[in-house]
mmCIF file of all heavy atoms, coordinates in Angstrom:
data_MODEL
# 
_entry.id   MODEL 
# 
loop_
_atom_site.group_PDB 
_atom_site.id 
_atom_site.type_symbol 
_atom_site.label_atom_id 
_atom_site.label_alt_id 
_atom_site.label_comp_id 
_atom_site.label_asym_id 
_atom_site.label_entity_id 
_atom_site.label_seq_id 
_atom_site.pdbx_PDB_ins_code 
_atom_site.Cartn_x 
_atom_site.Cartn_y 
_atom_site.Cartn_z 
_atom_site.occupancy 
_atom_site.B_iso_or_equiv 
_atom_site.pdbx_formal_charge 
_atom_site.auth_seq_id 
_atom_site.auth_comp_id 
_atom_site.auth_asym_id 
_atom_site.auth_atom_id 
_atom_site.pdbx_PDB_model_num 
ATOM 1   N N   . ILE A 1 1  ? 0.842   -1.207  0.000   1.00 0.00 ? 1  ILE A N   1 
ATOM 2   C CA  . ILE A 1 1  ? 0.000   0.000   0.000   1.00 0.00 ? 1  ILE A CA  1 
ATOM 3   C C   . ILE A 1 1  ? 0.874   1.252   0.000   1.00 0.00 ? 1  ILE A C   1 
ATOM 4   O O   . ILE A 1 1  ? 1.834   1.350   0.770   1.00 0.00 ? 1  ILE A O   1 
ATOM 5   C CB  . ILE A 1 1  ? -0.926  0.016   1.237   1.00 0.00 ? 1  ILE A CB  1 
ATOM 6   C CG1 . ILE A 1 1  ? -1.864  -1.195  1.197   1.00 0.00 ? 1  ILE A CG1 1 
ATOM 7   C CG2 . ILE A 1 1  ? -1.719  1.308   1.315   1.00 0.00 ? 1  ILE A CG2 1 
ATOM 8   C CD1 . ILE A 1 1  ? -2.712  -1.352  2.443   1.00 0.00 ? 1  ILE A CD1 1 
ATOM 9   N N   . ALA A 1 2  ? 0.503   2.237   -0.858  1.00 0.00 ? 2  ALA A N   1 
ATOM 10  C CA  . ALA A 1 2  ? 1.164   3.553   -0.909  1.00 0.00 ? 2  ALA A CA  1 
ATOM 11  C C   . ALA A 1 2  ? 0.066   4.611   -0.846  1.00 0.00 ? 2  ALA A C   1 
ATOM 12  O O   . ALA A 1 2  ? -0.405  5.080   -1.877  1.00 0.00 ? 2  ALA A O   1 
ATOM 13  C CB  . ALA A 1 2  ? 2.010   3.682   -2.169  1.00 0.00 ? 2  ALA A CB  1 
ATOM 14  N N   . ASN A 1 3  ? -0.350  4.963   0.357   1.00 0.00 ? 3  ASN A N   1 
ATOM 15  C CA  . ASN A 1 3  ? -1.493  5.863   0.553   1.00 0.00 ? 3  ASN A CA  1 
ATOM 16  C C   . ASN A 1 3  ? -1.072  7.231   1.077   1.00 0.00 ? 3  ASN A C   1 
ATOM 17  O O   . ASN A 1 3  ? -0.021  7.384   1.697   1.00 0.00 ? 3  ASN A O   1 
ATOM 18  C CB  . ASN A 1 3  ? -2.489  5.249   1.535   1.00 0.00 ? 3  ASN A CB  1 
ATOM 19  C CG  . ASN A 1 3  ? -3.204  4.049   0.961   1.00 0.00 ? 3  ASN A CG  1 
ATOM 20  O OD1 . ASN A 1 3  ? -3.151  3.797   -0.226  1.00 0.00 ? 3  ASN A OD1 1 
ATOM 21  N ND2 . ASN A 1 3  ? -3.875  3.316   1.814   1.00 0.00 ? 3  ASN A ND2 1 
ATOM 22  N N   . ALA A 1 4  ? -1.958  8.196   0.834   1.00 0.00 ? 4  ALA A N   1 
ATOM 23  C CA  . ALA A 1 4  ? -1.779  9.545   1.365   1.00 0.00 ? 4  ALA A CA  1 
ATOM 24  C C   . ALA A 1 4  ? -3.128  10.062  1.834   1.00 0.00 ? 4  ALA A C   1 
ATOM 25  O O   . ALA A 1 4  ? -4.179  9.586   1.400   1.00 0.00 ? 4  ALA A O   1 
ATOM 26  C CB  . ALA A 1 4  ? -1.184  10.469  0.305   1.00 0.00 ? 4  ALA A CB  1 
ATOM 27  N N   . GLU A 1 5  ? -3.080  11.052  2.700   1.00 0.00 ? 5  GLU A N   1 
ATOM 28  C CA  . GLU A 1 5  ? -4.310  11.663  3.220   1.00 0.00 ? 5  GLU A CA  1 
ATOM 29  C C   . GLU A 1 5  ? -4.751  12.822  2.317   1.00 0.00 ? 5  GLU A C   1 
ATOM 30  O O   . GLU A 1 5  ? -5.754  12.749  1.639   1.00 0.00 ? 5  GLU A O   1 
ATOM 31  C CB  . GLU A 1 5  ? -4.064  12.160  4.650   1.00 0.00 ? 5  GLU A CB  1 
ATOM 32  C CG  . GLU A 1 5  ? -5.239  12.824  5.302   1.00 0.00 ? 5  GLU A CG  1 
ATOM 33  C CD  . GLU A 1 5  ? -6.376  11.881  5.641   1.00 0.00 ? 5  GLU A CD  1 
ATOM 34  O OE1 . GLU A 1 5  ? -6.162  10.664  5.733   1.00 0.00 ? 5  GLU A OE1 1 
ATOM 35  O OE2 . GLU A 1 5  ? -7.498  12.381  5.803   1.00 0.00 ? 5  GLU A OE2 1 
ATOM 36  N N   . GLY A 1 6  ? -3.976  13.910  2.281   1.00 0.00 ? 6  GLY A N   1 
ATOM 37  C CA  . GLY A 1 6  ? -4.351  15.086  1.515   1.00 0.00 ? 6  GLY A CA  1 
ATOM 38  C C   . GLY A 1 6  ? -3.624  15.216  0.188   1.00 0.00 ? 6  GLY A C   1 
ATOM 39  O O   . GLY A 1 6  ? -4.138  15.797  -0.766  1.00 0.00 ? 6  GLY A O   1 
ATOM 40  N N   . GLY A 1 7  ? -2.417  14.695  0.106   1.00 0.00 ? 7  GLY A N   1 
ATOM 41  C CA  . GLY A 1 7  ? -1.650  14.748  -1.137  1.00 0.00 ? 7  GLY A CA  1 
ATOM 42  C C   . GLY A 1 7  ? -2.012  13.581  -2.048  1.00 0.00 ? 7  GLY A C   1 
ATOM 43  O O   . GLY A 1 7  ? -2.975  12.851  -1.806  1.00 0.00 ? 7  GLY A O   1 
ATOM 44  N N   . ASN A 1 8  ? -1.235  13.434  -3.099  1.00 0.00 ? 8  ASN A N   1 
ATOM 45  C CA  . ASN A 1 8  ? -1.479  12.334  -4.035  1.00 0.00 ? 8  ASN A CA  1 
ATOM 46  C C   . ASN A 1 8  ? -0.946  11.016  -3.463  1.00 0.00 ? 8  ASN A C   1 
ATOM 47  O O   . ASN A 1 8  ? 0.042   11.000  -2.731  1.00 0.00 ? 8  ASN A O   1 
ATOM 48  C CB  . ASN A 1 8  ? -0.790  12.616  -5.374  1.00 0.00 ? 8  ASN A CB  1 
ATOM 49  C CG  . ASN A 1 8  ? -1.370  13.853  -6.043  1.00 0.00 ? 8  ASN A CG  1 
ATOM 50  O OD1 . ASN A 1 8  ? -2.523  14.195  -5.847  1.00 0.00 ? 8  ASN A OD1 1 
ATOM 51  N ND2 . ASN A 1 8  ? -0.551  14.520  -6.823  1.00 0.00 ? 8  ASN A ND2 1 
ATOM 52  N N   . GLY A 1 9  ? -1.602  9.929   -3.838  1.00 0.00 ? 9  GLY A N   1 
ATOM 53  C CA  . GLY A 1 9  ? -1.132  8.612   -3.418  1.00 0.00 ? 9  GLY A CA  1 
ATOM 54  C C   . GLY A 1 9  ? 0.184   8.286   -4.085  1.00 0.00 ? 9  GLY A C   1 
ATOM 55  O O   . GLY A 1 9  ? 0.497   8.800   -5.156  1.00 0.00 ? 9  GLY A O   1 
ATOM 56  N N   . GLY A 1 10 ? 0.965   7.442   -3.462  1.00 0.00 ? 10 GLY A N   1 
ATOM 57  C CA  . GLY A 1 10 ? 2.236   7.024   -4.057  1.00 0.00 ? 10 GLY A CA  1 
ATOM 58  C C   . GLY A 1 10 ? 2.002   6.072   -5.213  1.00 0.00 ? 10 GLY A C   1 
ATOM 59  O O   . GLY A 1 10 ? 0.874   5.642   -5.476  1.00 0.00 ? 10 GLY A O   1 
ATOM 60  N N   . ASN A 1 11 ? 3.063   5.738   -5.915  1.00 0.00 ? 11 ASN A N   1 
ATOM 61  C CA  . ASN A 1 11 ? 2.984   4.791   -7.026  1.00 0.00 ? 11 ASN A CA  1 
ATOM 62  C C   . ASN A 1 11 ? 3.594   3.461   -6.602  1.00 0.00 ? 11 ASN A C   1 
ATOM 63  O O   . ASN A 1 11 ? 4.566   3.429   -5.843  1.00 0.00 ? 11 ASN A O   1 
ATOM 64  C CB  . ASN A 1 11 ? 3.729   5.333   -8.246  1.00 0.00 ? 11 ASN A CB  1 
ATOM 65  C CG  . ASN A 1 11 ? 3.084   6.601   -8.766  1.00 0.00 ? 11 ASN A CG  1 
ATOM 66  O OD1 . ASN A 1 11 ? 1.872   6.677   -8.916  1.00 0.00 ? 11 ASN A OD1 1 
ATOM 67  N ND2 . ASN A 1 11 ? 3.894   7.617   -9.016  1.00 0.00 ? 11 ASN A ND2 1 
ATOM 68  N N   . ILE A 1 12 ? 3.028   2.375   -7.119  1.00 0.00 ? 12 ILE A N   1 
ATOM 69  C CA  . ILE A 1 12 ? 3.546   1.037   -6.851  1.00 0.00 ? 12 ILE A CA  1 
ATOM 70  C C   . ILE A 1 12 ? 3.953   0.427   -8.176  1.00 0.00 ? 12 ILE A C   1 
ATOM 71  O O   . ILE A 1 12 ? 3.152   0.365   -9.110  1.00 0.00 ? 12 ILE A O   1 
ATOM 72  C CB  . ILE A 1 12 ? 2.491   0.151   -6.151  1.00 0.00 ? 12 ILE A CB  1 
ATOM 73  C CG1 . ILE A 1 12 ? 2.117   0.750   -4.795  1.00 0.00 ? 12 ILE A CG1 1 
ATOM 74  C CG2 . ILE A 1 12 ? 3.003   -1.279  -6.000  1.00 0.00 ? 12 ILE A CG2 1 
ATOM 75  C CD1 . ILE A 1 12 ? 0.995   0.015   -4.087  1.00 0.00 ? 12 ILE A CD1 1 
ATOM 76  N N   . ASN A 1 13 ? 5.207   -0.004  -8.259  1.00 0.00 ? 13 ASN A N   1 
ATOM 77  C CA  . ASN A 1 13 ? 5.730   -0.656  -9.462  1.00 0.00 ? 13 ASN A CA  1 
ATOM 78  C C   . ASN A 1 13 ? 6.246   -2.039  -9.071  1.00 0.00 ? 13 ASN A C   1 
ATOM 79  O O   . ASN A 1 13 ? 7.203   -2.143  -8.295  1.00 0.00 ? 13 ASN A O   1 
ATOM 80  C CB  . ASN A 1 13 ? 6.864   0.164   -10.079 1.00 0.00 ? 13 ASN A CB  1 
ATOM 81  C CG  . ASN A 1 13 ? 6.369   1.494   -10.590 1.00 0.00 ? 13 ASN A CG  1 
ATOM 82  O OD1 . ASN A 1 13 ? 5.516   1.529   -11.458 1.00 0.00 ? 13 ASN A OD1 1 
ATOM 83  N ND2 . ASN A 1 13 ? 6.880   2.574   -10.036 1.00 0.00 ? 13 ASN A ND2 1 
ATOM 84  N N   . LEU A 1 14 ? 5.597   -3.071  -9.602  1.00 0.00 ? 14 LEU A N   1 
ATOM 85  C CA  . LEU A 1 14 ? 5.995   -4.454  -9.324  1.00 0.00 ? 14 LEU A CA  1 
ATOM 86  C C   . LEU A 1 14 ? 6.496   -5.072  -10.621 1.00 0.00 ? 14 LEU A C   1 
ATOM 87  O O   . LEU A 1 14 ? 5.786   -5.090  -11.616 1.00 0.00 ? 14 LEU A O   1 
ATOM 88  C CB  . LEU A 1 14 ? 4.812   -5.264  -8.785  1.00 0.00 ? 14 LEU A CB  1 
ATOM 89  C CG  . LEU A 1 14 ? 4.098   -4.697  -7.552  1.00 0.00 ? 14 LEU A CG  1 
ATOM 90  C CD1 . LEU A 1 14 ? 2.931   -5.585  -7.169  1.00 0.00 ? 14 LEU A CD1 1 
ATOM 91  C CD2 . LEU A 1 14 ? 5.065   -4.527  -6.401  1.00 0.00 ? 14 LEU A CD2 1 
ATOM 92  N N   . ASN A 1 15 ? 7.723   -5.554  -10.596 1.00 0.00 ? 15 ASN A N   1 
ATOM 93  C CA  . ASN A 1 15 ? 8.310   -6.209  -11.761 1.00 0.00 ? 15 ASN A CA  1 
ATOM 94  C C   . ASN A 1 15 ? 8.735   -7.605  -11.318 1.00 0.00 ? 15 ASN A C   1 
ATOM 95  O O   . ASN A 1 15 ? 9.692   -7.753  -10.551 1.00 0.00 ? 15 ASN A O   1 
ATOM 96  C CB  . ASN A 1 15 ? 9.508   -5.404  -12.268 1.00 0.00 ? 15 ASN A CB  1 
ATOM 97  C CG  . ASN A 1 15 ? 10.056  -5.971  -13.556 1.00 0.00 ? 15 ASN A CG  1 
ATOM 98  O OD1 . ASN A 1 15 ? 9.672   -7.042  -14.008 1.00 0.00 ? 15 ASN A OD1 1 
ATOM 99  N ND2 . ASN A 1 15 ? 10.984  -5.241  -14.146 1.00 0.00 ? 15 ASN A ND2 1 
ATOM 100 N N   . THR A 1 16 ? 7.990   -8.622  -11.773 1.00 0.00 ? 16 THR A N   1 
ATOM 101 C CA  . THR A 1 16 ? 8.247   -9.976  -11.320 1.00 0.00 ? 16 THR A CA  1 
ATOM 102 C C   . THR A 1 16 ? 7.934   -10.980 -12.423 1.00 0.00 ? 16 THR A C   1 
ATOM 103 O O   . THR A 1 16 ? 7.109   -10.709 -13.291 1.00 0.00 ? 16 THR A O   1 
ATOM 104 C CB  . THR A 1 16 ? 7.414   -10.287 -10.055 1.00 0.00 ? 16 THR A CB  1 
ATOM 105 O OG1 . THR A 1 16 ? 7.682   -11.612 -9.627  1.00 0.00 ? 16 THR A OG1 1 
ATOM 106 C CG2 . THR A 1 16 ? 5.934   -10.119 -10.304 1.00 0.00 ? 16 THR A CG2 1 
ATOM 107 N N   . GLN A 1 17 ? 8.591   -12.126 -12.363 1.00 0.00 ? 17 GLN A N   1 
ATOM 108 C CA  . GLN A 1 17 ? 8.286   -13.193 -13.309 1.00 0.00 ? 17 GLN A CA  1 
ATOM 109 C C   . GLN A 1 17 ? 7.085   -14.012 -12.850 1.00 0.00 ? 17 GLN A C   1 
ATOM 110 O O   . GLN A 1 17 ? 6.445   -14.681 -13.651 1.00 0.00 ? 17 GLN A O   1 
ATOM 111 C CB  . GLN A 1 17 ? 9.511   -14.098 -13.482 1.00 0.00 ? 17 GLN A CB  1 
ATOM 112 C CG  . GLN A 1 17 ? 10.654  -13.405 -14.164 1.00 0.00 ? 17 GLN A CG  1 
ATOM 113 C CD  . GLN A 1 17 ? 11.894  -14.302 -14.240 1.00 0.00 ? 17 GLN A CD  1 
ATOM 114 O OE1 . GLN A 1 17 ? 11.869  -15.463 -13.915 1.00 0.00 ? 17 GLN A OE1 1 
ATOM 115 N NE2 . GLN A 1 17 ? 12.993  -13.714 -14.678 1.00 0.00 ? 17 GLN A NE2 1 
ATOM 116 N N   . ALA A 1 18 ? 6.774   -13.963 -11.557 1.00 0.00 ? 18 ALA A N   1 
ATOM 117 C CA  . ALA A 1 18 ? 5.631   -14.714 -11.027 1.00 0.00 ? 18 ALA A CA  1 
ATOM 118 C C   . ALA A 1 18 ? 5.046   -13.972 -9.846  1.00 0.00 ? 18 ALA A C   1 
ATOM 119 O O   . ALA A 1 18 ? 5.674   -13.844 -8.806  1.00 0.00 ? 18 ALA A O   1 
ATOM 120 C CB  . ALA A 1 18 ? 6.064   -16.114 -10.602 1.00 0.00 ? 18 ALA A CB  1 
ATOM 121 N N   . LEU A 1 19 ? 3.822   -13.466 -10.007 1.00 0.00 ? 19 LEU A N   1 
ATOM 122 C CA  . LEU A 1 19 ? 3.088   -12.826 -8.925  1.00 0.00 ? 19 LEU A CA  1 
ATOM 123 C C   . LEU A 1 19 ? 2.006   -13.794 -8.478  1.00 0.00 ? 19 LEU A C   1 
ATOM 124 O O   . LEU A 1 19 ? 1.118   -14.160 -9.257  1.00 0.00 ? 19 LEU A O   1 
ATOM 125 C CB  . LEU A 1 19 ? 2.464   -11.504 -9.381  1.00 0.00 ? 19 LEU A CB  1 
ATOM 126 C CG  . LEU A 1 19 ? 1.520   -10.832 -8.381  1.00 0.00 ? 19 LEU A CG  1 
ATOM 127 C CD1 . LEU A 1 19 ? 2.232   -10.492 -7.078  1.00 0.00 ? 19 LEU A CD1 1 
ATOM 128 C CD2 . LEU A 1 19 ? 0.897   -9.580  -8.988  1.00 0.00 ? 19 LEU A CD2 1 
ATOM 129 N N   . ILE A 1 20 ? 2.087   -14.222 -7.232  1.00 0.00 ? 20 ILE A N   1 
ATOM 130 C CA  . ILE A 1 20 ? 1.100   -15.140 -6.673  1.00 0.00 ? 20 ILE A CA  1 
ATOM 131 C C   . ILE A 1 20 ? 0.414   -14.397 -5.538  1.00 0.00 ? 20 ILE A C   1 
ATOM 132 O O   . ILE A 1 20 ? 1.051   -14.044 -4.542  1.00 0.00 ? 20 ILE A O   1 
ATOM 133 C CB  . ILE A 1 20 ? 1.773   -16.431 -6.158  1.00 0.00 ? 20 ILE A CB  1 
ATOM 134 C CG1 . ILE A 1 20 ? 2.537   -17.095 -7.300  1.00 0.00 ? 20 ILE A CG1 1 
ATOM 135 C CG2 . ILE A 1 20 ? 0.747   -17.364 -5.542  1.00 0.00 ? 20 ILE A CG2 1 
ATOM 136 C CD1 . ILE A 1 20 ? 3.499   -18.162 -6.877  1.00 0.00 ? 20 ILE A CD1 1 
ATOM 137 N N   . GLN A 1 21 ? -0.887  -14.151 -5.711  1.00 0.00 ? 21 GLN A N   1 
ATOM 138 C CA  . GLN A 1 21 ? -1.635  -13.367 -4.726  1.00 0.00 ? 21 GLN A CA  1 
ATOM 139 C C   . GLN A 1 21 ? -2.846  -14.157 -4.285  1.00 0.00 ? 21 GLN A C   1 
ATOM 140 O O   . GLN A 1 21 ? -3.566  -14.727 -5.108  1.00 0.00 ? 21 GLN A O   1 
ATOM 141 C CB  . GLN A 1 21 ? -2.067  -12.030 -5.334  1.00 0.00 ? 21 GLN A CB  1 
ATOM 142 C CG  . GLN A 1 21 ? -2.814  -11.149 -4.359  1.00 0.00 ? 21 GLN A CG  1 
ATOM 143 C CD  . GLN A 1 21 ? -3.190  -9.808  -4.975  1.00 0.00 ? 21 GLN A CD  1 
ATOM 144 O OE1 . GLN A 1 21 ? -2.883  -9.529  -6.124  1.00 0.00 ? 21 GLN A OE1 1 
ATOM 145 N NE2 . GLN A 1 21 ? -3.863  -8.993  -4.202  1.00 0.00 ? 21 GLN A NE2 1 
ATOM 146 N N   . SER A 1 22 ? -3.085  -14.218 -2.958  1.00 0.00 ? 22 SER A N   1 
ATOM 147 C CA  . SER A 1 22 ? -4.277  -14.903 -2.471  1.00 0.00 ? 22 SER A CA  1 
ATOM 148 C C   . SER A 1 22 ? -5.510  -14.158 -2.962  1.00 0.00 ? 22 SER A C   1 
ATOM 149 O O   . SER A 1 22 ? -5.511  -12.940 -3.118  1.00 0.00 ? 22 SER A O   1 
ATOM 150 C CB  . SER A 1 22 ? -4.269  -15.007 -0.946  1.00 0.00 ? 22 SER A CB  1 
ATOM 151 O OG  . SER A 1 22 ? -4.201  -13.731 -0.354  1.00 0.00 ? 22 SER A OG  1 
ATOM 152 N N   . VAL A 1 23 ? -6.554  -14.927 -3.241  1.00 0.00 ? 23 VAL A N   1 
ATOM 153 C CA  . VAL A 1 23 ? -7.763  -14.364 -3.826  1.00 0.00 ? 23 VAL A CA  1 
ATOM 154 C C   . VAL A 1 23 ? -8.417  -13.359 -2.889  1.00 0.00 ? 23 VAL A C   1 
ATOM 155 O O   . VAL A 1 23 ? -8.894  -12.318 -3.304  1.00 0.00 ? 23 VAL A O   1 
ATOM 156 C CB  . VAL A 1 23 ? -8.752  -15.489 -4.196  1.00 0.00 ? 23 VAL A CB  1 
ATOM 157 C CG1 . VAL A 1 23 ? -10.057 -14.931 -4.703  1.00 0.00 ? 23 VAL A CG1 1 
ATOM 158 C CG2 . VAL A 1 23 ? -8.130  -16.413 -5.217  1.00 0.00 ? 23 VAL A CG2 1 
ATOM 159 N N   . SER A 1 24 ? -8.454  -13.658 -1.617  1.00 0.00 ? 24 SER A N   1 
ATOM 160 C CA  . SER A 1 24 ? -9.053  -12.722 -0.665  1.00 0.00 ? 24 SER A CA  1 
ATOM 161 C C   . SER A 1 24 ? -8.051  -12.444 0.447   1.00 0.00 ? 24 SER A C   1 
ATOM 162 O O   . SER A 1 24 ? -7.138  -13.222 0.697   1.00 0.00 ? 24 SER A O   1 
ATOM 163 C CB  . SER A 1 24 ? -10.335 -13.309 -0.076  1.00 0.00 ? 24 SER A CB  1 
ATOM 164 O OG  . SER A 1 24 ? -10.031 -14.482 0.657   1.00 0.00 ? 24 SER A OG  1 
ATOM 165 N N   . GLY A 1 25 ? -8.219  -11.335 1.097   1.00 0.00 ? 25 GLY A N   1 
ATOM 166 C CA  . GLY A 1 25 ? -7.369  -11.010 2.226   1.00 0.00 ? 25 GLY A CA  1 
ATOM 167 C C   . GLY A 1 25 ? -6.085  -10.294 1.875   1.00 0.00 ? 25 GLY A C   1 
ATOM 168 O O   . GLY A 1 25 ? -5.271  -10.055 2.751   1.00 0.00 ? 25 GLY A O   1 
# 
């Protein structure tokens, strides 16, 4: 997570050969 309150949110850059993410949670 890259969050902000009043300013702009941060950027997230993911560079991977395999991203495995649980469906929920």
